[in-house]
Amino acid sequence: ILVRQYRGAIDDFLLEIPAGGRDSAD
């Protein structure tokens, strides 16, 4: 299962695995 989402830095949609930033460095 992947997600297709808009990425502003490249002004296009990418197909990606689910991902996201950590809430803190810890």
mmCIF file of all heavy atoms, coordinates in Angstrom:
data_MODEL
# 
_entry.id   MODEL 
# 
loop_
_atom_site.group_PDB 
_atom_site.id 
_atom_site.type_symbol 
_atom_site.label_atom_id 
_atom_site.label_alt_id 
_atom_site.label_comp_id 
_atom_site.label_asym_id 
_atom_site.label_entity_id 
_atom_site.label_seq_id 
_atom_site.pdbx_PDB_ins_code 
_atom_site.Cartn_x 
_atom_site.Cartn_y 
_atom_site.Cartn_z 
_atom_site.occupancy 
_atom_site.B_iso_or_equiv 
_atom_site.pdbx_formal_charge 
_atom_site.auth_seq_id 
_atom_site.auth_comp_id 
_atom_site.auth_asym_id 
_atom_site.auth_atom_id 
_atom_site.pdbx_PDB_model_num 
ATOM 1   N N   . ILE A 1 1  ? 0.850  -1.188 0.000   1.00 0.00 ? 1  ILE A N   1 
ATOM 2   C CA  . ILE A 1 1  ? 0.000  0.000  0.000   1.00 0.00 ? 1  ILE A CA  1 
ATOM 3   C C   . ILE A 1 1  ? 0.887  1.240  0.000   1.00 0.00 ? 1  ILE A C   1 
ATOM 4   O O   . ILE A 1 1  ? 1.759  1.392  0.857   1.00 0.00 ? 1  ILE A O   1 
ATOM 5   C CB  . ILE A 1 1  ? -0.932 0.014  1.229   1.00 0.00 ? 1  ILE A CB  1 
ATOM 6   C CG1 . ILE A 1 1  ? -1.757 -1.276 1.278   1.00 0.00 ? 1  ILE A CG1 1 
ATOM 7   C CG2 . ILE A 1 1  ? -1.841 1.236  1.196   1.00 0.00 ? 1  ILE A CG2 1 
ATOM 8   C CD1 . ILE A 1 1  ? -2.553 -1.451 2.560   1.00 0.00 ? 1  ILE A CD1 1 
ATOM 9   N N   . LEU A 1 2  ? 0.641  2.117  -0.969  1.00 0.00 ? 2  LEU A N   1 
ATOM 10  C CA  . LEU A 1 2  ? 1.379  3.363  -1.083  1.00 0.00 ? 2  LEU A CA  1 
ATOM 11  C C   . LEU A 1 2  ? 0.415  4.539  -1.107  1.00 0.00 ? 2  LEU A C   1 
ATOM 12  O O   . LEU A 1 2  ? -0.789 4.352  -1.275  1.00 0.00 ? 2  LEU A O   1 
ATOM 13  C CB  . LEU A 1 2  ? 2.229  3.373  -2.367  1.00 0.00 ? 2  LEU A CB  1 
ATOM 14  C CG  . LEU A 1 2  ? 3.354  2.352  -2.386  1.00 0.00 ? 2  LEU A CG  1 
ATOM 15  C CD1 . LEU A 1 2  ? 2.913  1.128  -3.138  1.00 0.00 ? 2  LEU A CD1 1 
ATOM 16  C CD2 . LEU A 1 2  ? 4.593  2.922  -3.006  1.00 0.00 ? 2  LEU A CD2 1 
ATOM 17  N N   . VAL A 1 3  ? 0.962  5.724  -0.977  1.00 0.00 ? 3  VAL A N   1 
ATOM 18  C CA  . VAL A 1 3  ? 0.161  6.939  -1.078  1.00 0.00 ? 3  VAL A CA  1 
ATOM 19  C C   . VAL A 1 3  ? 0.711  7.806  -2.208  1.00 0.00 ? 3  VAL A C   1 
ATOM 20  O O   . VAL A 1 3  ? 1.915  7.897  -2.403  1.00 0.00 ? 3  VAL A O   1 
ATOM 21  C CB  . VAL A 1 3  ? 0.127  7.733  0.254   1.00 0.00 ? 3  VAL A CB  1 
ATOM 22  C CG1 . VAL A 1 3  ? -0.576 6.940  1.325   1.00 0.00 ? 3  VAL A CG1 1 
ATOM 23  C CG2 . VAL A 1 3  ? 1.514  8.124  0.715   1.00 0.00 ? 3  VAL A CG2 1 
ATOM 24  N N   . ARG A 1 4  ? -0.189 8.385  -2.951  1.00 0.00 ? 4  ARG A N   1 
ATOM 25  C CA  . ARG A 1 4  ? 0.195  9.367  -3.964  1.00 0.00 ? 4  ARG A CA  1 
ATOM 26  C C   . ARG A 1 4  ? -0.159 10.721 -3.372  1.00 0.00 ? 4  ARG A C   1 
ATOM 27  O O   . ARG A 1 4  ? -1.292 10.960 -2.963  1.00 0.00 ? 4  ARG A O   1 
ATOM 28  C CB  . ARG A 1 4  ? -0.561 9.131  -5.275  1.00 0.00 ? 4  ARG A CB  1 
ATOM 29  C CG  . ARG A 1 4  ? -0.039 10.016 -6.411  1.00 0.00 ? 4  ARG A CG  1 
ATOM 30  C CD  . ARG A 1 4  ? -0.699 9.664  -7.731  1.00 0.00 ? 4  ARG A CD  1 
ATOM 31  N NE  . ARG A 1 4  ? -0.509 8.282  -8.137  1.00 0.00 ? 4  ARG A NE  1 
ATOM 32  C CZ  . ARG A 1 4  ? 0.556  7.815  -8.799  1.00 0.00 ? 4  ARG A CZ  1 
ATOM 33  N NH1 . ARG A 1 4  ? 1.540  8.626  -9.118  1.00 0.00 ? 4  ARG A NH1 1 
ATOM 34  N NH2 . ARG A 1 4  ? 0.626  6.528  -9.135  1.00 0.00 ? 4  ARG A NH2 1 
ATOM 35  N N   . GLN A 1 5  ? 0.848  11.608 -3.306  1.00 0.00 ? 5  GLN A N   1 
ATOM 36  C CA  . GLN A 1 5  ? 0.598  12.922 -2.720  1.00 0.00 ? 5  GLN A CA  1 
ATOM 37  C C   . GLN A 1 5  ? 1.423  13.992 -3.418  1.00 0.00 ? 5  GLN A C   1 
ATOM 38  O O   . GLN A 1 5  ? 2.459  13.719 -4.002  1.00 0.00 ? 5  GLN A O   1 
ATOM 39  C CB  . GLN A 1 5  ? 0.867  12.910 -1.219  1.00 0.00 ? 5  GLN A CB  1 
ATOM 40  C CG  . GLN A 1 5  ? 2.263  12.572 -0.794  1.00 0.00 ? 5  GLN A CG  1 
ATOM 41  C CD  . GLN A 1 5  ? 2.360  12.433 0.715   1.00 0.00 ? 5  GLN A CD  1 
ATOM 42  O OE1 . GLN A 1 5  ? 1.705  13.152 1.457   1.00 0.00 ? 5  GLN A OE1 1 
ATOM 43  N NE2 . GLN A 1 5  ? 3.174  11.515 1.179   1.00 0.00 ? 5  GLN A NE2 1 
ATOM 44  N N   . TYR A 1 6  ? 0.916  15.197 -3.320  1.00 0.00 ? 6  TYR A N   1 
ATOM 45  C CA  . TYR A 1 6  ? 1.560  16.350 -3.939  1.00 0.00 ? 6  TYR A CA  1 
ATOM 46  C C   . TYR A 1 6  ? 2.782  16.743 -3.120  1.00 0.00 ? 6  TYR A C   1 
ATOM 47  O O   . TYR A 1 6  ? 2.735  16.800 -1.899  1.00 0.00 ? 6  TYR A O   1 
ATOM 48  C CB  . TYR A 1 6  ? 0.584  17.527 -4.010  1.00 0.00 ? 6  TYR A CB  1 
ATOM 49  C CG  . TYR A 1 6  ? 1.199  18.762 -4.621  1.00 0.00 ? 6  TYR A CG  1 
ATOM 50  C CD1 . TYR A 1 6  ? 1.392  18.845 -5.990  1.00 0.00 ? 6  TYR A CD1 1 
ATOM 51  C CD2 . TYR A 1 6  ? 1.612  19.824 -3.825  1.00 0.00 ? 6  TYR A CD2 1 
ATOM 52  C CE1 . TYR A 1 6  ? 1.961  19.978 -6.564  1.00 0.00 ? 6  TYR A CE1 1 
ATOM 53  C CE2 . TYR A 1 6  ? 2.181  20.950 -4.382  1.00 0.00 ? 6  TYR A CE2 1 
ATOM 54  C CZ  . TYR A 1 6  ? 2.359  21.019 -5.754  1.00 0.00 ? 6  TYR A CZ  1 
ATOM 55  O OH  . TYR A 1 6  ? 2.934  22.130 -6.312  1.00 0.00 ? 6  TYR A OH  1 
ATOM 56  N N   . ARG A 1 7  ? 3.882  17.052 -3.817  1.00 0.00 ? 7  ARG A N   1 
ATOM 57  C CA  . ARG A 1 7  ? 5.112  17.526 -3.193  1.00 0.00 ? 7  ARG A CA  1 
ATOM 58  C C   . ARG A 1 7  ? 5.483  18.870 -3.822  1.00 0.00 ? 7  ARG A C   1 
ATOM 59  O O   . ARG A 1 7  ? 5.855  18.935 -4.994  1.00 0.00 ? 7  ARG A O   1 
ATOM 60  C CB  . ARG A 1 7  ? 6.245  16.513 -3.364  1.00 0.00 ? 7  ARG A CB  1 
ATOM 61  C CG  . ARG A 1 7  ? 6.010  15.191 -2.645  1.00 0.00 ? 7  ARG A CG  1 
ATOM 62  C CD  . ARG A 1 7  ? 5.823  15.417 -1.177  1.00 0.00 ? 7  ARG A CD  1 
ATOM 63  N NE  . ARG A 1 7  ? 5.886  14.186 -0.401  1.00 0.00 ? 7  ARG A NE  1 
ATOM 64  C CZ  . ARG A 1 7  ? 5.719  14.154 0.895   1.00 0.00 ? 7  ARG A CZ  1 
ATOM 65  N NH1 . ARG A 1 7  ? 5.442  15.261 1.565   1.00 0.00 ? 7  ARG A NH1 1 
ATOM 66  N NH2 . ARG A 1 7  ? 5.790  13.019 1.555   1.00 0.00 ? 7  ARG A NH2 1 
ATOM 67  N N   . GLY A 1 8  ? 5.354  19.918 -3.022  1.00 0.00 ? 8  GLY A N   1 
ATOM 68  C CA  . GLY A 1 8  ? 5.553  21.275 -3.528  1.00 0.00 ? 8  GLY A CA  1 
ATOM 69  C C   . GLY A 1 8  ? 6.948  21.563 -4.051  1.00 0.00 ? 8  GLY A C   1 
ATOM 70  O O   . GLY A 1 8  ? 7.105  22.338 -4.997  1.00 0.00 ? 8  GLY A O   1 
ATOM 71  N N   . ALA A 1 9  ? 7.979  20.970 -3.456  1.00 0.00 ? 9  ALA A N   1 
ATOM 72  C CA  . ALA A 1 9  ? 9.352  21.251 -3.882  1.00 0.00 ? 9  ALA A CA  1 
ATOM 73  C C   . ALA A 1 9  ? 9.592  20.851 -5.335  1.00 0.00 ? 9  ALA A C   1 
ATOM 74  O O   . ALA A 1 9  ? 10.439 21.442 -6.008  1.00 0.00 ? 9  ALA A O   1 
ATOM 75  C CB  . ALA A 1 9  ? 10.354 20.543 -2.969  1.00 0.00 ? 9  ALA A CB  1 
ATOM 76  N N   . ILE A 1 10 ? 8.853  19.864 -5.822  1.00 0.00 ? 10 ILE A N   1 
ATOM 77  C CA  . ILE A 1 10 ? 8.995  19.456 -7.222  1.00 0.00 ? 10 ILE A CA  1 
ATOM 78  C C   . ILE A 1 10 ? 7.748  19.766 -8.038  1.00 0.00 ? 10 ILE A C   1 
ATOM 79  O O   . ILE A 1 10 ? 7.703  19.439 -9.218  1.00 0.00 ? 10 ILE A O   1 
ATOM 80  C CB  . ILE A 1 10 ? 9.358  17.958 -7.345  1.00 0.00 ? 10 ILE A CB  1 
ATOM 81  C CG1 . ILE A 1 10 ? 8.244  17.076 -6.793  1.00 0.00 ? 10 ILE A CG1 1 
ATOM 82  C CG2 . ILE A 1 10 ? 10.697 17.655 -6.690  1.00 0.00 ? 10 ILE A CG2 1 
ATOM 83  C CD1 . ILE A 1 10 ? 8.357  15.616 -7.156  1.00 0.00 ? 10 ILE A CD1 1 
ATOM 84  N N   . ASP A 1 11 ? 6.728  20.362 -7.387  1.00 0.00 ? 11 ASP A N   1 
ATOM 85  C CA  . ASP A 1 11 ? 5.474  20.727 -8.028  1.00 0.00 ? 11 ASP A CA  1 
ATOM 86  C C   . ASP A 1 11 ? 4.887  19.549 -8.813  1.00 0.00 ? 11 ASP A C   1 
ATOM 87  O O   . ASP A 1 11 ? 4.524  19.673 -9.982  1.00 0.00 ? 11 ASP A O   1 
ATOM 88  C CB  . ASP A 1 11 ? 5.666  21.950 -8.932  1.00 0.00 ? 11 ASP A CB  1 
ATOM 89  C CG  . ASP A 1 11 ? 4.333  22.506 -9.426  1.00 0.00 ? 11 ASP A CG  1 
ATOM 90  O OD1 . ASP A 1 11 ? 3.299  22.304 -8.742  1.00 0.00 ? 11 ASP A OD1 1 
ATOM 91  O OD2 . ASP A 1 11 ? 4.322  23.135 -10.506 1.00 0.00 ? 11 ASP A OD2 1 
ATOM 92  N N   . ASP A 1 12 ? 4.790  18.405 -8.131  1.00 0.00 ? 12 ASP A N   1 
ATOM 93  C CA  . ASP A 1 12 ? 4.258  17.226 -8.790  1.00 0.00 ? 12 ASP A CA  1 
ATOM 94  C C   . ASP A 1 12 ? 3.796  16.234 -7.714  1.00 0.00 ? 12 ASP A C   1 
ATOM 95  O O   . ASP A 1 12 ? 4.088  16.395 -6.537  1.00 0.00 ? 12 ASP A O   1 
ATOM 96  C CB  . ASP A 1 12 ? 5.320  16.575 -9.681  1.00 0.00 ? 12 ASP A CB  1 
ATOM 97  C CG  . ASP A 1 12 ? 4.725  15.741 -10.807 1.00 0.00 ? 12 ASP A CG  1 
ATOM 98  O OD1 . ASP A 1 12 ? 3.480  15.562 -10.852 1.00 0.00 ? 12 ASP A OD1 1 
ATOM 99  O OD2 . ASP A 1 12 ? 5.498  15.245 -11.636 1.00 0.00 ? 12 ASP A OD2 1 
ATOM 100 N N   . PHE A 1 13 ? 3.107  15.207 -8.152  1.00 0.00 ? 13 PHE A N   1 
ATOM 101 C CA  . PHE A 1 13 ? 2.669  14.137 -7.269  1.00 0.00 ? 13 PHE A CA  1 
ATOM 102 C C   . PHE A 1 13 ? 3.702  13.019 -7.282  1.00 0.00 ? 13 PHE A C   1 
ATOM 103 O O   . PHE A 1 13 ? 4.281  12.715 -8.330  1.00 0.00 ? 13 PHE A O   1 
ATOM 104 C CB  . PHE A 1 13 ? 1.315  13.583 -7.734  1.00 0.00 ? 13 PHE A CB  1 
ATOM 105 C CG  . PHE A 1 13 ? 0.184  14.533 -7.483  1.00 0.00 ? 13 PHE A CG  1 
ATOM 106 C CD1 . PHE A 1 13 ? -0.128 15.527 -8.407  1.00 0.00 ? 13 PHE A CD1 1 
ATOM 107 C CD2 . PHE A 1 13 ? -0.557 14.446 -6.321  1.00 0.00 ? 13 PHE A CD2 1 
ATOM 108 C CE1 . PHE A 1 13 ? -1.156 16.411 -8.176  1.00 0.00 ? 13 PHE A CE1 1 
ATOM 109 C CE2 . PHE A 1 13 ? -1.606 15.326 -6.074  1.00 0.00 ? 13 PHE A CE2 1 
ATOM 110 C CZ  . PHE A 1 13 ? -1.901 16.313 -7.004  1.00 0.00 ? 13 PHE A CZ  1 
ATOM 111 N N   . LEU A 1 14 ? 3.928  12.413 -6.115  1.00 0.00 ? 14 LEU A N   1 
ATOM 112 C CA  . LEU A 1 14 ? 4.829  11.268 -6.010  1.00 0.00 ? 14 LEU A CA  1 
ATOM 113 C C   . LEU A 1 14 ? 4.080  10.089 -5.407  1.00 0.00 ? 14 LEU A C   1 
ATOM 114 O O   . LEU A 1 14 ? 3.215  10.259 -4.550  1.00 0.00 ? 14 LEU A O   1 
ATOM 115 C CB  . LEU A 1 14 ? 6.020  11.583 -5.094  1.00 0.00 ? 14 LEU A CB  1 
ATOM 116 C CG  . LEU A 1 14 ? 7.114  12.488 -5.633  1.00 0.00 ? 14 LEU A CG  1 
ATOM 117 C CD1 . LEU A 1 14 ? 8.227  12.623 -4.603  1.00 0.00 ? 14 LEU A CD1 1 
ATOM 118 C CD2 . LEU A 1 14 ? 7.679  11.954 -6.941  1.00 0.00 ? 14 LEU A CD2 1 
ATOM 119 N N   . LEU A 1 15 ? 4.450  8.893  -5.841  1.00 0.00 ? 15 LEU A N   1 
ATOM 120 C CA  . LEU A 1 15 ? 3.954  7.668  -5.247  1.00 0.00 ? 15 LEU A CA  1 
ATOM 121 C C   . LEU A 1 15 ? 4.991  7.233  -4.218  1.00 0.00 ? 15 LEU A C   1 
ATOM 122 O O   . LEU A 1 15 ? 6.165  7.040  -4.563  1.00 0.00 ? 15 LEU A O   1 
ATOM 123 C CB  . LEU A 1 15 ? 3.759  6.596  -6.322  1.00 0.00 ? 15 LEU A CB  1 
ATOM 124 C CG  . LEU A 1 15 ? 3.060  5.312  -5.902  1.00 0.00 ? 15 LEU A CG  1 
ATOM 125 C CD1 . LEU A 1 15 ? 1.663  5.589  -5.343  1.00 0.00 ? 15 LEU A CD1 1 
ATOM 126 C CD2 . LEU A 1 15 ? 3.000  4.338  -7.058  1.00 0.00 ? 15 LEU A CD2 1 
ATOM 127 N N   . GLU A 1 16 ? 4.550  7.102  -2.942  1.00 0.00 ? 16 GLU A N   1 
ATOM 128 C CA  . GLU A 1 16 ? 5.484  6.865  -1.846  1.00 0.00 ? 16 GLU A CA  1 
ATOM 129 C C   . GLU A 1 16 ? 4.924  5.858  -0.854  1.00 0.00 ? 16 GLU A C   1 
ATOM 130 O O   . GLU A 1 16 ? 3.713  5.710  -0.738  1.00 0.00 ? 16 GLU A O   1 
ATOM 131 C CB  . GLU A 1 16 ? 5.726  8.154  -1.056  1.00 0.00 ? 16 GLU A CB  1 
ATOM 132 C CG  . GLU A 1 16 ? 6.167  9.346  -1.867  1.00 0.00 ? 16 GLU A CG  1 
ATOM 133 C CD  . GLU A 1 16 ? 6.226  10.607 -1.020  1.00 0.00 ? 16 GLU A CD  1 
ATOM 134 O OE1 . GLU A 1 16 ? 6.755  10.557 0.113   1.00 0.00 ? 16 GLU A OE1 1 
ATOM 135 O OE2 . GLU A 1 16 ? 5.723  11.641 -1.489  1.00 0.00 ? 16 GLU A OE2 1 
ATOM 136 N N   . ILE A 1 17 ? 5.821  5.249  -0.096  1.00 0.00 ? 17 ILE A N   1 
ATOM 137 C CA  . ILE A 1 17 ? 5.380  4.466  1.055   1.00 0.00 ? 17 ILE A CA  1 
ATOM 138 C C   . ILE A 1 17 ? 4.978  5.456  2.149   1.00 0.00 ? 17 ILE A C   1 
ATOM 139 O O   . ILE A 1 17 ? 5.440  6.599  2.155   1.00 0.00 ? 17 ILE A O   1 
ATOM 140 C CB  . ILE A 1 17 ? 6.487  3.502  1.546   1.00 0.00 ? 17 ILE A CB  1 
ATOM 141 C CG1 . ILE A 1 17 ? 7.773  4.254  1.913   1.00 0.00 ? 17 ILE A CG1 1 
ATOM 142 C CG2 . ILE A 1 17 ? 6.747  2.413  0.515   1.00 0.00 ? 17 ILE A CG2 1 
ATOM 143 C CD1 . ILE A 1 17 ? 8.845  3.391  2.542   1.00 0.00 ? 17 ILE A CD1 1 
ATOM 144 N N   . PRO A 1 18 ? 4.110  5.054  3.077   1.00 0.00 ? 18 PRO A N   1 
ATOM 145 C CA  . PRO A 1 18 ? 3.746  5.959  4.171   1.00 0.00 ? 18 PRO A CA  1 
ATOM 146 C C   . PRO A 1 18 ? 4.989  6.359  4.969   1.00 0.00 ? 18 PRO A C   1 
ATOM 147 O O   . PRO A 1 18 ? 5.826  5.519  5.305   1.00 0.00 ? 18 PRO A O   1 
ATOM 148 C CB  . PRO A 1 18 ? 2.795  5.111  5.023   1.00 0.00 ? 18 PRO A CB  1 
ATOM 149 C CG  . PRO A 1 18 ? 2.233  4.100  4.067   1.00 0.00 ? 18 PRO A CG  1 
ATOM 150 C CD  . PRO A 1 18 ? 3.356  3.796  3.119   1.00 0.00 ? 18 PRO A CD  1 
ATOM 151 N N   . ALA A 1 19 ? 5.092  7.653  5.276   1.00 0.00 ? 19 ALA A N   1 
ATOM 152 C CA  . ALA A 1 19 ? 6.276  8.165  5.976   1.00 0.00 ? 19 ALA A CA  1 
ATOM 153 C C   . ALA A 1 19 ? 5.960  9.507  6.595   1.00 0.00 ? 19 ALA A C   1 
ATOM 154 O O   . ALA A 1 19 ? 5.020  10.183 6.192   1.00 0.00 ? 19 ALA A O   1 
ATOM 155 C CB  . ALA A 1 19 ? 7.441  8.303  4.997   1.00 0.00 ? 19 ALA A CB  1 
ATOM 156 N N   . GLY A 1 20 ? 6.798  9.890  7.547   1.00 0.00 ? 20 GLY A N   1 
ATOM 157 C CA  . GLY A 1 20 ? 6.646  11.202 8.146   1.00 0.00 ? 20 GLY A CA  1 
ATOM 158 C C   . GLY A 1 20 ? 7.757  11.483 9.140   1.00 0.00 ? 20 GLY A C   1 
ATOM 159 O O   . GLY A 1 20 ? 8.478  10.576 9.566   1.00 0.00 ? 20 GLY A O   1 
ATOM 160 N N   . GLY A 1 21 ? 7.876  12.758 9.474   1.00 0.00 ? 21 GLY A N   1 
ATOM 161 C CA  . GLY A 1 21 ? 8.913  13.192 10.398  1.00 0.00 ? 21 GLY A CA  1 
ATOM 162 C C   . GLY A 1 21 ? 8.629  12.790 11.828  1.00 0.00 ? 21 GLY A C   1 
ATOM 163 O O   . GLY A 1 21 ? 7.469  12.669 12.239  1.00 0.00 ? 21 GLY A O   1 
ATOM 164 N N   . ARG A 1 22 ? 9.706  12.588 12.573  1.00 0.00 ? 22 ARG A N   1 
ATOM 165 C CA  . ARG A 1 22 ? 9.560  12.299 13.998  1.00 0.00 ? 22 ARG A CA  1 
ATOM 166 C C   . ARG A 1 22 ? 9.070  13.553 14.710  1.00 0.00 ? 22 ARG A C   1 
ATOM 167 O O   . ARG A 1 22 ? 9.397  14.668 14.319  1.00 0.00 ? 22 ARG A O   1 
ATOM 168 C CB  . ARG A 1 22 ? 10.898 11.856 14.603  1.00 0.00 ? 22 ARG A CB  1 
ATOM 169 C CG  . ARG A 1 22 ? 11.388 10.547 14.015  1.00 0.00 ? 22 ARG A CG  1 
ATOM 170 C CD  . ARG A 1 22 ? 12.520 9.926  14.789  1.00 0.00 ? 22 ARG A CD  1 
ATOM 171 N NE  . ARG A 1 22 ? 13.700 10.788 14.839  1.00 0.00 ? 22 ARG A NE  1 
ATOM 172 C CZ  . ARG A 1 22 ? 14.743 10.573 15.640  1.00 0.00 ? 22 ARG A CZ  1 
ATOM 173 N NH1 . ARG A 1 22 ? 14.757 9.555  16.479  1.00 0.00 ? 22 ARG A NH1 1 
ATOM 174 N NH2 . ARG A 1 22 ? 15.776 11.382 15.619  1.00 0.00 ? 22 ARG A NH2 1 
ATOM 175 N N   . ASP A 1 23 ? 8.303  13.365 15.764  1.00 0.00 ? 23 ASP A N   1 
ATOM 176 C CA  . ASP A 1 23 ? 7.794  14.498 16.537  1.00 0.00 ? 23 ASP A CA  1 
ATOM 177 C C   . ASP A 1 23 ? 8.910  15.206 17.285  1.00 0.00 ? 23 ASP A C   1 
ATOM 178 O O   . ASP A 1 23 ? 8.817  16.404 17.553  1.00 0.00 ? 23 ASP A O   1 
ATOM 179 C CB  . ASP A 1 23 ? 6.719  14.035 17.526  1.00 0.00 ? 23 ASP A CB  1 
ATOM 180 C CG  . ASP A 1 23 ? 5.404  13.717 16.839  1.00 0.00 ? 23 ASP A CG  1 
ATOM 181 O OD1 . ASP A 1 23 ? 5.195  14.173 15.697  1.00 0.00 ? 23 ASP A OD1 1 
ATOM 182 O OD2 . ASP A 1 23 ? 4.583  13.010 17.456  1.00 0.00 ? 23 ASP A OD2 1 
ATOM 183 N N   . SER A 1 24 ? 9.973  14.487 17.625  1.00 0.00 ? 24 SER A N   1 
ATOM 184 C CA  . SER A 1 24 ? 11.135 15.062 18.293  1.00 0.00 ? 24 SER A CA  1 
ATOM 185 C C   . SER A 1 24 ? 12.350 14.225 17.919  1.00 0.00 ? 24 SER A C   1 
ATOM 186 O O   . SER A 1 24 ? 12.209 13.095 17.439  1.00 0.00 ? 24 SER A O   1 
ATOM 187 C CB  . SER A 1 24 ? 10.958 15.065 19.815  1.00 0.00 ? 24 SER A CB  1 
ATOM 188 O OG  . SER A 1 24 ? 11.073 13.747 20.318  1.00 0.00 ? 24 SER A OG  1 
ATOM 189 N N   . ALA A 1 25 ? 13.535 14.762 18.161  1.00 0.00 ? 25 ALA A N   1 
ATOM 190 C CA  . ALA A 1 25 ? 14.759 14.026 17.853  1.00 0.00 ? 25 ALA A CA  1 
ATOM 191 C C   . ALA A 1 25 ? 14.916 12.799 18.733  1.00 0.00 ? 25 ALA A C   1 
ATOM 192 O O   . ALA A 1 25 ? 15.739 11.927 18.438  1.00 0.00 ? 25 ALA A O   1 
ATOM 193 C CB  . ALA A 1 25 ? 15.966 14.949 17.998  1.00 0.00 ? 25 ALA A CB  1 
ATOM 194 N N   . ASP A 1 26 ? 14.115 12.696 19.796  1.00 0.00 ? 26 ASP A N   1 
ATOM 195 C CA  . ASP A 1 26 ? 14.182 11.552 20.704  1.00 0.00 ? 26 ASP A CA  1 
ATOM 196 C C   . ASP A 1 26 ? 13.126 10.486 20.417  1.00 0.00 ? 26 ASP A C   1 
ATOM 197 O O   . ASP A 1 26 ? 13.162 9.409  21.011  1.00 0.00 ? 26 ASP A O   1 
ATOM 198 C CB  . ASP A 1 26 ? 14.010 12.020 22.156  1.00 0.00 ? 26 ASP A CB  1 
ATOM 199 C CG  . ASP A 1 26 ? 15.117 12.959 22.587  1.00 0.00 ? 26 ASP A CG  1 
ATOM 200 O OD1 . ASP A 1 26 ? 16.257 12.804 22.102  1.00 0.00 ? 26 ASP A OD1 1 
ATOM 201 O OD2 . ASP A 1 26 ? 14.836 13.858 23.388  1.00 0.00 ? 26 ASP A OD2 1 
# 
